[in-house]
Amino acid sequence: MKGKSLAWALTAVLAGTSLGGVAQAATQFVTIGTGGQTGVYYVAGQSICRFLNRAAEETIKCNAPSSGGGVANVNGIRNGEFNFGIMQSDHQFKAMKGLEPFKNEGPMEDLRAVFSMQSEVFTVLARKSANINGFDDLKGKRVNIGNPGSGQRDTIEEIMRVKGWDKSVFSLASELKPAEQAAALGDNNIDAMTYFVGHPNGAIQEAATTVDTVLVPVTGPDIDKLLAEKSYYTKAEIPAGLYKGSDKATPSIGGKAVLSTSAKTDPEVVYQLVKSVFENLDRFKKLHPAFADLKAEDMIKVGLTAPLHEGAERYYKERGWL
């Protein structure tokens, strides 16, 4: 009898372990790499997670921490730190092809697109007193080129290469994160800050209300050459009137923000994520002014420089969009 009781108890323990394992496996935890907390990437990632967590209830748990930005998000997907990451469309292209800044790691052929979001513009904001009226006027100035792993850093380095510049052309080339640069500009620790971001942006608004500033045009023969050579960039502009002191549209270069993942990511998770976003697209568009003009037909095609993930493709076909 004692032996039977022991056997029953052992069976119960094993059954409980098995059931616990099933319950644990039923909940999938996913992480979205975003960007600095003052940027649009962070708002986008947090919003996507809220929609997904609400729709999936207990089966999927999503979180979207602040990260180093687009390049860091590519590397985070590659090394398994992130399941998804928000990045510029040019970073998606470069990662797929194994181009700088991903040359050492090689082509990331399993990178997959989920959908694109807001347009982004390479932005240079300068203290008015610094007399910076064009990009070439940054020479000899104190410029924040951005933290390694950020979109602004990669883009300004591309512009510098086409101009034949290196960091020595600046009197100071600081590497502040997006959340730090507005205060640095206001405190007169730098003459200009750079950002690759959707507009309007909180950090730029903060800087423009703290000190007299100007948005600097990013134009000229070298920029035209860059646009001709790099198809992932397009002409773009920052609309007039978004920031104090900026009454005219400011021309520059830009691209799209893209949510990406790996081909290894569970198709059902990707399917549930895109479903939760597109079934709440009107609400999503109200969460940040940069999202206001989003259209489903553009989000599933424009700026996607990697193949669609099969989970996303399945949902888009069900909606009759593909």
Protein backbone atom coordinates (compact mmCIF):
# COMPACT_ATOMS: atom_id res chain seq x y z
CA MET A 1 0.00 0.00 0.00
CA LYS A 2 2.83 2.25 0.95
CA GLY A 3 4.51 1.50 -2.38
CA LYS A 4 1.34 2.30 -4.29
CA SER A 5 1.00 5.61 -2.43
CA LEU A 6 4.59 6.48 -3.24
CA ALA A 7 4.09 5.58 -6.91
CA TRP A 8 0.92 7.68 -7.06
CA ALA A 9 2.67 10.61 -5.44
CA LEU A 10 5.57 10.32 -7.87
CA THR A 11 3.15 10.16 -10.82
CA ALA A 12 1.35 13.25 -9.51
CA VAL A 13 4.61 15.16 -9.17
CA LEU A 14 5.66 14.20 -12.69
CA ALA A 15 2.23 15.13 -14.05
CA GLY A 16 2.38 18.48 -12.30
CA THR A 17 5.82 19.10 -13.72
CA SER A 18 4.59 18.23 -17.17
CA LEU A 19 1.52 20.40 -16.87
CA GLY A 20 3.62 23.25 -15.48
CA GLY A 21 5.99 22.89 -18.42
CA VAL A 22 3.10 23.06 -20.88
CA ALA A 23 1.66 26.14 -19.15
CA GLN A 24 5.06 27.81 -19.14
CA ALA A 25 5.68 27.02 -22.80
CA ALA A 26 2.26 28.42 -23.72
CA THR A 27 3.36 31.95 -22.83
CA GLN A 28 5.88 33.41 -25.25
CA PHE A 29 7.96 36.41 -24.21
CA VAL A 30 9.00 38.81 -26.95
CA THR A 31 11.14 41.93 -26.84
CA ILE A 32 11.16 44.87 -29.27
CA GLY A 33 14.31 46.99 -29.53
CA THR A 34 13.36 50.68 -29.76
CA GLY A 35 15.57 53.75 -29.20
CA GLY A 36 15.98 56.66 -26.80
CA GLN A 37 13.01 57.52 -24.61
CA THR A 38 12.57 60.93 -26.27
CA GLY A 39 12.30 59.40 -29.76
CA VAL A 40 9.47 58.02 -31.86
CA TYR A 41 10.91 54.47 -31.87
CA TYR A 42 10.28 54.19 -28.14
CA VAL A 43 6.68 55.36 -28.47
CA ALA A 44 6.13 52.94 -31.37
CA GLY A 45 7.56 49.93 -29.53
CA GLN A 46 5.65 50.63 -26.33
CA SER A 47 2.41 51.08 -28.29
CA ILE A 48 2.86 47.88 -30.31
CA CYS A 49 3.47 45.93 -27.10
CA ARG A 50 0.32 47.32 -25.48
CA PHE A 51 -1.80 46.27 -28.45
CA LEU A 52 -0.18 42.82 -28.59
CA ASN A 53 -0.42 42.18 -24.85
CA ARG A 54 -4.08 43.17 -24.85
CA ALA A 55 -4.92 40.98 -27.86
CA ALA A 56 -2.86 37.94 -26.90
CA GLU A 57 -3.80 38.05 -23.20
CA GLU A 58 -1.66 35.40 -21.46
CA THR A 59 -0.20 33.68 -24.54
CA ILE A 60 2.29 36.43 -25.49
CA LYS A 61 4.03 38.92 -23.22
CA CYS A 62 5.70 41.82 -25.02
CA ASN A 63 8.11 44.45 -23.71
CA ALA A 64 9.89 47.28 -25.53
CA PRO A 65 12.87 48.66 -23.62
CA SER A 66 14.87 51.71 -24.62
CA SER A 67 17.90 50.77 -26.72
CA GLY A 68 20.85 52.30 -28.55
CA GLY A 69 18.81 52.74 -31.75
CA GLY A 70 18.58 51.20 -35.20
CA VAL A 71 22.06 49.70 -35.58
CA ALA A 72 21.92 48.31 -32.04
CA ASN A 73 18.50 46.82 -32.81
CA VAL A 74 19.85 45.00 -35.89
CA ASN A 75 22.63 43.52 -33.77
CA GLY A 76 20.14 42.71 -31.01
CA ILE A 77 18.03 40.67 -33.43
CA ARG A 78 21.16 38.96 -34.73
CA ASN A 79 22.38 37.89 -31.30
CA GLY A 80 18.96 37.00 -29.91
CA GLU A 81 18.65 39.89 -27.44
CA PHE A 82 15.58 41.19 -29.33
CA ASN A 83 12.87 39.33 -31.24
CA PHE A 84 11.93 42.51 -33.11
CA GLY A 85 13.66 45.82 -33.68
CA ILE A 86 12.78 49.21 -35.15
CA MET A 87 15.34 50.56 -37.59
CA GLN A 88 15.80 52.86 -40.55
CA SER A 89 15.06 51.32 -43.94
CA ASP A 90 18.71 51.86 -44.90
CA HIS A 91 19.89 49.83 -41.91
CA GLN A 92 17.61 46.99 -42.92
CA PHE A 93 19.15 47.08 -46.41
CA LYS A 94 22.74 47.29 -45.13
CA ALA A 95 22.24 44.46 -42.66
CA MET A 96 20.78 42.20 -45.37
CA LYS A 97 23.76 42.90 -47.64
CA GLY A 98 26.46 42.90 -44.97
CA LEU A 99 27.47 46.52 -45.67
CA GLU A 100 28.92 48.98 -43.15
CA PRO A 101 28.23 49.24 -40.26
CA PHE A 102 27.49 45.48 -40.40
CA LYS A 103 30.40 44.44 -42.63
CA ASN A 104 32.30 42.59 -39.91
CA GLU A 105 29.25 40.47 -39.03
CA GLY A 106 28.48 39.65 -42.68
CA PRO A 107 25.12 39.53 -44.50
CA MET A 108 22.09 38.94 -42.26
CA GLU A 109 20.12 36.97 -44.82
CA ASP A 110 17.44 35.90 -42.33
CA LEU A 111 16.39 39.50 -41.56
CA ARG A 112 12.70 39.98 -42.30
CA ALA A 113 10.43 43.01 -42.58
CA VAL A 114 7.16 43.26 -40.64
CA PHE A 115 5.85 46.71 -41.63
CA SER A 116 7.09 50.28 -42.07
CA MET A 117 5.95 53.26 -40.09
CA GLN A 118 6.71 56.99 -40.09
CA SER A 119 8.97 58.84 -42.46
CA GLU A 120 12.21 59.95 -40.85
CA VAL A 121 14.43 62.89 -41.68
CA PHE A 122 18.11 63.45 -40.93
CA THR A 123 17.91 66.57 -38.78
CA VAL A 124 20.54 69.12 -37.80
CA LEU A 125 19.51 71.65 -35.15
CA ALA A 126 22.01 74.41 -34.30
CA ARG A 127 22.26 77.27 -31.83
CA LYS A 128 21.42 80.44 -33.74
CA SER A 129 24.47 82.15 -32.24
CA ALA A 130 26.77 79.53 -33.85
CA ASN A 131 26.06 80.94 -37.35
CA ILE A 132 25.49 77.55 -38.94
CA ASN A 133 23.40 78.09 -42.06
CA GLY A 134 24.35 75.00 -44.10
CA PHE A 135 25.86 71.59 -43.48
CA ASP A 136 29.37 72.73 -44.46
CA ASP A 137 29.22 75.35 -41.69
CA LEU A 138 29.51 72.50 -39.16
CA LYS A 139 33.26 72.42 -39.83
CA GLY A 140 35.13 73.73 -36.81
CA LYS A 141 32.03 73.53 -34.60
CA ARG A 142 31.05 71.40 -31.59
CA VAL A 143 28.70 68.80 -33.04
CA ASN A 144 26.94 65.85 -31.45
CA ILE A 145 27.32 63.06 -34.00
CA GLY A 146 25.38 60.58 -31.85
CA ASN A 147 26.11 57.44 -29.90
CA PRO A 148 27.59 54.42 -31.70
CA GLY A 149 24.73 52.18 -32.82
CA SER A 150 22.33 55.02 -33.53
CA GLY A 151 20.80 55.99 -36.85
CA GLN A 152 22.05 59.56 -36.63
CA ARG A 153 25.64 58.34 -36.17
CA ASP A 154 25.51 56.00 -39.17
CA THR A 155 23.92 58.63 -41.41
CA ILE A 156 26.27 61.47 -40.51
CA GLU A 157 29.21 59.12 -41.10
CA GLU A 158 27.86 58.39 -44.59
CA ILE A 159 27.57 62.11 -45.28
CA MET A 160 31.07 62.68 -43.92
CA ARG A 161 32.50 59.95 -46.18
CA VAL A 162 30.98 61.46 -49.32
CA LYS A 163 32.44 64.83 -48.28
CA GLY A 164 35.86 63.38 -47.46
CA TRP A 165 35.55 64.42 -43.81
CA ASP A 166 36.47 62.68 -40.59
CA LYS A 167 35.78 63.68 -36.97
CA SER A 168 38.80 65.99 -36.94
CA VAL A 169 36.85 68.58 -38.98
CA PHE A 170 34.82 69.38 -35.85
CA SER A 171 36.28 71.18 -32.85
CA LEU A 172 34.33 68.62 -30.80
CA ALA A 173 32.55 65.46 -31.98
CA SER A 174 30.44 64.39 -29.00
CA GLU A 175 28.69 61.02 -28.79
CA LEU A 176 25.69 61.89 -26.65
CA LYS A 177 22.52 59.81 -26.73
CA PRO A 178 19.35 61.43 -28.11
CA ALA A 179 17.92 62.15 -24.65
CA GLU A 180 21.09 64.04 -23.65
CA GLN A 181 21.65 66.34 -26.60
CA ALA A 182 18.85 68.88 -26.09
CA ALA A 183 20.23 69.82 -22.66
CA ALA A 184 23.76 69.97 -24.07
CA LEU A 185 22.62 72.39 -26.78
CA GLY A 186 20.73 74.53 -24.26
CA ASP A 187 23.71 74.60 -21.87
CA ASN A 188 26.04 75.70 -24.71
CA ASN A 189 28.11 72.52 -24.50
CA ILE A 190 27.58 71.87 -28.23
CA ASP A 191 26.80 74.08 -31.20
CA ALA A 192 24.63 71.58 -33.10
CA MET A 193 22.81 68.31 -32.54
CA THR A 194 21.93 65.69 -35.13
CA TYR A 195 19.02 63.25 -35.19
CA PHE A 196 17.48 60.82 -37.69
CA VAL A 197 13.89 60.94 -36.51
CA GLY A 198 10.21 61.39 -37.27
CA HIS A 199 8.67 64.81 -36.70
CA PRO A 200 7.55 66.46 -34.53
CA ASN A 201 10.08 65.27 -31.95
CA GLY A 202 10.16 66.01 -28.23
CA ALA A 203 13.92 66.47 -27.90
CA ILE A 204 14.01 69.00 -30.73
CA GLN A 205 11.00 70.83 -29.29
CA GLU A 206 12.75 70.96 -25.91
CA ALA A 207 15.95 72.39 -27.41
CA ALA A 208 14.12 74.94 -29.58
CA THR A 209 12.22 76.32 -26.59
CA THR A 210 15.31 76.46 -24.37
CA VAL A 211 17.58 78.44 -26.70
CA ASP A 212 17.27 80.25 -30.04
CA THR A 213 17.89 77.60 -32.70
CA VAL A 214 17.77 77.02 -36.45
CA LEU A 215 17.14 73.87 -38.47
CA VAL A 216 20.04 73.43 -40.90
CA PRO A 217 19.40 72.39 -44.54
CA VAL A 218 21.22 69.20 -45.60
CA THR A 219 21.69 69.90 -49.30
CA GLY A 220 24.33 70.41 -51.98
CA PRO A 221 26.26 68.49 -54.67
CA ASP A 222 27.68 65.96 -52.19
CA ILE A 223 24.21 65.20 -50.84
CA ASP A 224 22.92 64.78 -54.41
CA LYS A 225 25.77 62.33 -55.02
CA LEU A 226 24.84 60.40 -51.88
CA LEU A 227 21.19 60.20 -52.97
CA ALA A 228 22.25 58.96 -56.42
CA GLU A 229 24.49 56.25 -54.96
CA LYS A 230 22.32 55.10 -52.04
CA SER A 231 18.80 54.19 -53.12
CA TYR A 232 17.65 53.68 -49.53
CA TYR A 233 17.82 57.46 -48.96
CA THR A 234 15.33 59.89 -50.48
CA LYS A 235 14.91 63.64 -50.52
CA ALA A 236 12.89 64.72 -47.49
CA GLU A 237 11.99 67.85 -45.57
CA ILE A 238 10.98 68.95 -42.12
CA PRO A 239 7.65 70.79 -42.40
CA ALA A 240 7.46 74.47 -41.54
CA GLY A 241 6.11 75.62 -38.22
CA LEU A 242 6.75 72.53 -36.12
CA TYR A 243 9.39 74.17 -33.95
CA LYS A 244 10.01 77.63 -32.56
CA GLY A 245 12.16 79.64 -34.98
CA SER A 246 11.54 77.34 -37.95
CA ASP A 247 9.00 79.06 -40.17
CA LYS A 248 10.11 77.49 -43.45
CA ALA A 249 10.35 73.85 -44.56
CA THR A 250 13.89 72.51 -44.17
CA PRO A 251 15.23 70.20 -46.91
CA SER A 252 17.27 67.11 -46.01
CA ILE A 253 17.43 63.35 -46.67
CA GLY A 254 15.30 60.64 -45.13
CA GLY A 255 13.84 57.18 -45.16
CA LYS A 256 11.28 55.03 -43.37
CA ALA A 257 11.26 53.50 -39.90
CA VAL A 258 10.75 49.74 -40.25
CA LEU A 259 9.80 47.06 -37.72
CA SER A 260 11.97 44.04 -38.48
CA THR A 261 12.51 40.56 -37.11
CA SER A 262 14.28 37.30 -37.93
CA ALA A 263 13.02 34.49 -40.15
CA LYS A 264 13.41 32.32 -37.02
CA THR A 265 10.69 34.21 -35.14
CA ASP A 266 7.53 32.14 -34.61
CA PRO A 267 5.13 32.96 -37.49
CA GLU A 268 2.17 32.89 -35.10
CA VAL A 269 3.77 35.56 -32.90
CA VAL A 270 4.42 37.79 -35.94
CA TYR A 271 0.87 37.17 -37.19
CA GLN A 272 -0.63 38.14 -33.83
CA LEU A 273 1.56 41.25 -33.62
CA VAL A 274 0.60 42.63 -37.04
CA LYS A 275 -3.04 41.73 -36.47
CA SER A 276 -3.09 43.62 -33.15
CA VAL A 277 -1.58 46.72 -34.79
CA PHE A 278 -3.64 46.84 -37.96
CA GLU A 279 -6.90 46.14 -36.13
CA ASN A 280 -6.08 49.18 -33.98
CA LEU A 281 -4.45 51.33 -36.66
CA ASP A 282 -6.71 54.34 -36.08
CA ARG A 283 -5.78 54.30 -32.40
CA PHE A 284 -2.10 53.78 -33.21
CA LYS A 285 -2.11 56.84 -35.49
CA LYS A 286 -3.28 59.02 -32.58
CA LEU A 287 -0.44 58.01 -30.26
CA HIS A 288 2.15 60.31 -31.84
CA PRO A 289 1.88 63.10 -34.44
CA ALA A 290 4.49 61.30 -36.59
CA PHE A 291 2.00 58.44 -37.08
CA ALA A 292 -0.90 60.62 -38.22
CA ASP A 293 -0.53 59.96 -41.96
CA LEU A 294 0.14 56.21 -41.81
CA LYS A 295 -1.74 54.11 -44.37
CA ALA A 296 -1.94 50.32 -44.31
CA GLU A 297 -1.26 50.04 -48.04
CA ASP A 298 2.04 51.94 -47.60
CA MET A 299 3.10 50.24 -44.37
CA ILE A 300 3.19 46.79 -45.99
CA LYS A 301 5.28 47.89 -49.00
CA VAL A 302 7.05 51.26 -48.76
CA GLY A 303 10.54 51.17 -47.23
CA LEU A 304 10.69 47.39 -46.88
CA THR A 305 14.22 46.55 -47.99
CA ALA A 306 14.04 42.95 -46.68
CA PRO A 307 11.51 40.20 -47.50
CA LEU A 308 8.31 40.09 -45.49
CA HIS A 309 8.18 37.61 -42.62
CA GLU A 310 5.82 34.74 -43.40
CA GLY A 311 3.63 35.54 -40.38
CA ALA A 312 3.11 39.11 -41.58
CA GLU A 313 2.56 37.99 -45.16
CA ARG A 314 -0.13 35.55 -44.01
CA TYR A 315 -2.11 38.33 -42.32
CA TYR A 316 -1.77 40.73 -45.25
CA LYS A 317 -3.00 38.07 -47.66
CA GLU A 318 -5.97 37.31 -45.40
CA ARG A 319 -6.90 41.01 -45.57
CA GLY A 320 -6.58 40.96 -49.35
CA TRP A 321 -3.74 43.47 -49.32
CA LEU A 322 -1.25 41.21 -51.11
